[in-house]
Amino acid sequence: MPPETRLRKVTLLTDIILNHLKANDGFMPITEKSPPAKINDLFGVSKKTYKKAIGALYKKRLIEFTDAGTKLVEK
C-alpha cells in the first residue's frame, strides 16, 4: 500500500475514533494494549493502524489514556 493511502487511512480513523468517543460520553474501554481482535471488531483496522491513529490524537492532546480505557480530553 502506498504511503499516501496509509496516511489517508490513519487520518480517516482519527475522525472515526473521535466520533466514537463523542458518541460514548468521551470514553471507550480500549487502549493501545487491547487485543488486536477487539480493535478490529470495533474499527475494522489492524492494531498497527489503530496505534498510529491514537498516537496522532494523543500528540494533539485530544485524548488521554487511563487504566480503564481511552478518554476524550475536555477543553
N, C-alpha and C. Protein backbone atom coordinates (compact mmCIF):
# COMPACT_ATOMS: atom_id res chain seq x y z
N MET A 1 0.85 -1.18 0.00
CA MET A 1 0.00 0.00 0.00
C MET A 1 0.89 1.24 0.00
N PRO A 2 0.63 2.20 -0.89
CA PRO A 2 1.45 3.42 -0.94
C PRO A 2 1.33 4.23 0.35
N PRO A 3 2.38 4.96 0.72
CA PRO A 3 2.35 5.76 1.95
C PRO A 3 1.19 6.74 2.00
N GLU A 4 0.80 7.31 0.86
CA GLU A 4 -0.31 8.27 0.85
C GLU A 4 -1.61 7.59 1.27
N THR A 5 -1.80 6.36 0.83
CA THR A 5 -3.01 5.61 1.17
C THR A 5 -3.03 5.30 2.66
N ARG A 6 -1.88 4.90 3.21
CA ARG A 6 -1.79 4.62 4.64
C ARG A 6 -2.09 5.87 5.46
N LEU A 7 -1.56 7.00 5.03
CA LEU A 7 -1.79 8.26 5.74
C LEU A 7 -3.27 8.64 5.72
N ARG A 8 -3.91 8.47 4.58
CA ARG A 8 -5.35 8.76 4.49
C ARG A 8 -6.15 7.84 5.40
N LYS A 9 -5.75 6.58 5.46
CA LYS A 9 -6.45 5.60 6.30
C LYS A 9 -6.33 6.00 7.78
N VAL A 10 -5.15 6.41 8.20
CA VAL A 10 -4.94 6.83 9.59
C VAL A 10 -5.72 8.10 9.87
N THR A 11 -5.71 9.05 8.95
CA THR A 11 -6.45 10.30 9.13
C THR A 11 -7.94 10.04 9.25
N LEU A 12 -8.46 9.17 8.41
CA LEU A 12 -9.87 8.80 8.47
C LEU A 12 -10.19 8.12 9.80
N LEU A 13 -9.29 7.24 10.25
CA LEU A 13 -9.51 6.54 11.51
C LEU A 13 -9.49 7.50 12.70
N THR A 14 -8.68 8.54 12.67
CA THR A 14 -8.69 9.50 13.77
C THR A 14 -10.06 10.15 13.89
N ASP A 15 -10.67 10.47 12.76
CA ASP A 15 -12.03 11.04 12.78
C ASP A 15 -13.04 10.04 13.32
N ILE A 16 -12.91 8.79 12.92
CA ILE A 16 -13.82 7.74 13.39
C ILE A 16 -13.69 7.56 14.90
N ILE A 17 -12.46 7.56 15.40
CA ILE A 17 -12.23 7.40 16.85
C ILE A 17 -12.83 8.57 17.61
N LEU A 18 -12.58 9.79 17.13
CA LEU A 18 -13.15 10.97 17.80
C LEU A 18 -14.67 10.92 17.82
N ASN A 19 -15.28 10.55 16.72
CA ASN A 19 -16.74 10.44 16.67
C ASN A 19 -17.25 9.35 17.61
N HIS A 20 -16.52 8.24 17.68
CA HIS A 20 -16.90 7.16 18.59
C HIS A 20 -16.83 7.63 20.04
N LEU A 21 -15.78 8.35 20.38
CA LEU A 21 -15.64 8.87 21.75
C LEU A 21 -16.77 9.85 22.07
N LYS A 22 -17.05 10.77 21.16
CA LYS A 22 -18.11 11.76 21.39
C LYS A 22 -19.47 11.09 21.55
N ALA A 23 -19.71 10.02 20.81
CA ALA A 23 -20.99 9.32 20.88
C ALA A 23 -21.12 8.46 22.14
N ASN A 24 -20.00 8.24 22.84
CA ASN A 24 -19.99 7.39 24.02
C ASN A 24 -19.50 8.14 25.26
N ASP A 25 -19.99 9.35 25.44
CA ASP A 25 -19.66 10.18 26.60
C ASP A 25 -18.16 10.38 26.79
N GLY A 26 -17.41 10.42 25.69
CA GLY A 26 -15.99 10.73 25.75
C GLY A 26 -15.11 9.61 26.27
N PHE A 27 -15.60 8.38 26.23
CA PHE A 27 -14.81 7.26 26.75
C PHE A 27 -15.02 6.00 25.93
N MET A 28 -13.94 5.23 25.78
CA MET A 28 -14.05 3.88 25.21
C MET A 28 -13.10 2.96 25.97
N PRO A 29 -13.54 1.75 26.27
CA PRO A 29 -12.73 0.84 27.08
C PRO A 29 -11.65 0.12 26.27
N ILE A 30 -11.03 0.82 25.35
CA ILE A 30 -9.97 0.25 24.52
C ILE A 30 -8.75 1.15 24.64
N THR A 31 -7.59 0.52 24.78
CA THR A 31 -6.33 1.25 24.86
C THR A 31 -5.37 0.71 23.81
N GLU A 32 -4.15 1.21 23.82
CA GLU A 32 -3.14 0.70 22.89
C GLU A 32 -2.72 -0.72 23.26
N LYS A 33 -3.12 -1.19 24.44
CA LYS A 33 -2.77 -2.54 24.88
C LYS A 33 -3.90 -3.55 24.67
N SER A 34 -5.00 -3.12 24.09
CA SER A 34 -6.13 -4.01 23.83
C SER A 34 -5.75 -5.06 22.78
N PRO A 35 -6.38 -6.23 22.84
CA PRO A 35 -6.08 -7.28 21.86
C PRO A 35 -6.46 -6.84 20.44
N PRO A 36 -5.67 -7.25 19.45
CA PRO A 36 -5.94 -6.87 18.06
C PRO A 36 -7.35 -7.22 17.60
N ALA A 37 -7.89 -8.34 18.04
CA ALA A 37 -9.23 -8.75 17.61
C ALA A 37 -10.29 -7.76 18.08
N LYS A 38 -10.13 -7.24 19.29
CA LYS A 38 -11.09 -6.27 19.83
C LYS A 38 -11.06 -4.97 19.02
N ILE A 39 -9.87 -4.53 18.65
CA ILE A 39 -9.70 -3.32 17.85
C ILE A 39 -10.30 -3.53 16.46
N ASN A 40 -10.03 -4.68 15.88
CA ASN A 40 -10.55 -4.98 14.55
C ASN A 40 -12.07 -5.09 14.56
N ASP A 41 -12.63 -5.68 15.60
CA ASP A 41 -14.09 -5.79 15.70
C ASP A 41 -14.76 -4.42 15.75
N LEU A 42 -14.16 -3.50 16.49
CA LEU A 42 -14.76 -2.19 16.67
C LEU A 42 -14.51 -1.24 15.50
N PHE A 43 -13.28 -1.22 15.00
CA PHE A 43 -12.92 -0.24 13.97
C PHE A 43 -12.59 -0.84 12.60
N GLY A 44 -12.45 -2.15 12.52
CA GLY A 44 -12.16 -2.79 11.24
C GLY A 44 -10.78 -2.51 10.68
N VAL A 45 -9.82 -2.26 11.59
CA VAL A 45 -8.44 -1.99 11.17
C VAL A 45 -7.48 -2.82 12.00
N SER A 46 -6.23 -2.85 11.57
CA SER A 46 -5.20 -3.57 12.32
C SER A 46 -4.82 -2.77 13.56
N LYS A 47 -4.20 -3.46 14.50
CA LYS A 47 -3.75 -2.79 15.72
C LYS A 47 -2.69 -1.74 15.38
N LYS A 48 -1.85 -2.03 14.40
CA LYS A 48 -0.80 -1.09 13.99
C LYS A 48 -1.42 0.23 13.51
N THR A 49 -2.43 0.14 12.66
CA THR A 49 -3.10 1.34 12.16
C THR A 49 -3.79 2.08 13.29
N TYR A 50 -4.44 1.33 14.19
CA TYR A 50 -5.12 1.93 15.35
C TYR A 50 -4.12 2.69 16.22
N LYS A 51 -2.96 2.09 16.48
CA LYS A 51 -1.96 2.75 17.33
C LYS A 51 -1.43 4.03 16.68
N LYS A 52 -1.29 4.03 15.37
CA LYS A 52 -0.86 5.26 14.68
C LYS A 52 -1.91 6.35 14.83
N ALA A 53 -3.18 5.97 14.71
CA ALA A 53 -4.26 6.96 14.81
C ALA A 53 -4.37 7.52 16.22
N ILE A 54 -4.34 6.65 17.24
CA ILE A 54 -4.46 7.19 18.60
C ILE A 54 -3.20 7.93 19.01
N GLY A 55 -2.06 7.54 18.43
CA GLY A 55 -0.83 8.29 18.68
C GLY A 55 -0.93 9.71 18.15
N ALA A 56 -1.52 9.85 16.98
CA ALA A 56 -1.72 11.19 16.39
C ALA A 56 -2.67 12.02 17.25
N LEU A 57 -3.74 11.39 17.74
CA LEU A 57 -4.70 12.11 18.60
C LEU A 57 -4.05 12.49 19.93
N TYR A 58 -3.22 11.61 20.46
CA TYR A 58 -2.54 11.88 21.72
C TYR A 58 -1.55 13.04 21.57
N LYS A 59 -0.82 13.05 20.47
CA LYS A 59 0.14 14.14 20.23
C LYS A 59 -0.55 15.49 20.11
N LYS A 60 -1.79 15.48 19.60
CA LYS A 60 -2.57 16.72 19.50
C LYS A 60 -3.29 17.04 20.81
N ARG A 61 -3.08 16.20 21.81
CA ARG A 61 -3.69 16.35 23.14
C ARG A 61 -5.22 16.33 23.09
N LEU A 62 -5.75 15.49 22.20
CA LEU A 62 -7.20 15.35 22.09
C LEU A 62 -7.73 14.19 22.92
N ILE A 63 -6.83 13.24 23.24
CA ILE A 63 -7.21 12.10 24.07
C ILE A 63 -6.18 11.89 25.16
N GLU A 64 -6.58 11.12 26.17
CA GLU A 64 -5.64 10.68 27.19
C GLU A 64 -5.97 9.24 27.54
N PHE A 65 -5.00 8.56 28.09
CA PHE A 65 -5.17 7.15 28.43
C PHE A 65 -5.33 6.99 29.93
N THR A 66 -6.24 6.10 30.31
CA THR A 66 -6.41 5.73 31.71
C THR A 66 -6.24 4.22 31.78
N ASP A 67 -6.23 3.69 32.99
CA ASP A 67 -6.13 2.24 33.14
C ASP A 67 -7.35 1.54 32.55
N ALA A 68 -8.48 2.22 32.54
CA ALA A 68 -9.73 1.61 32.08
C ALA A 68 -9.96 1.77 30.57
N GLY A 69 -9.29 2.74 29.94
CA GLY A 69 -9.52 2.94 28.51
C GLY A 69 -8.97 4.26 28.00
N THR A 70 -9.58 4.76 26.96
CA THR A 70 -9.18 6.00 26.30
C THR A 70 -10.26 7.04 26.52
N LYS A 71 -9.83 8.24 26.87
CA LYS A 71 -10.76 9.30 27.24
C LYS A 71 -10.52 10.54 26.39
N LEU A 72 -11.60 11.18 25.99
CA LEU A 72 -11.54 12.43 25.25
C LEU A 72 -11.15 13.54 26.23
N VAL A 73 -10.20 14.37 25.86
CA VAL A 73 -9.77 15.47 26.73
C VAL A 73 -10.81 16.57 26.66
N GLU A 74 -11.24 17.02 27.82
CA GLU A 74 -12.21 18.12 27.87
C GLU A 74 -11.49 19.44 27.73
N LYS A 75 -12.05 20.31 26.91
CA LYS A 75 -11.40 21.61 26.68
C LYS A 75 -12.04 22.67 27.52
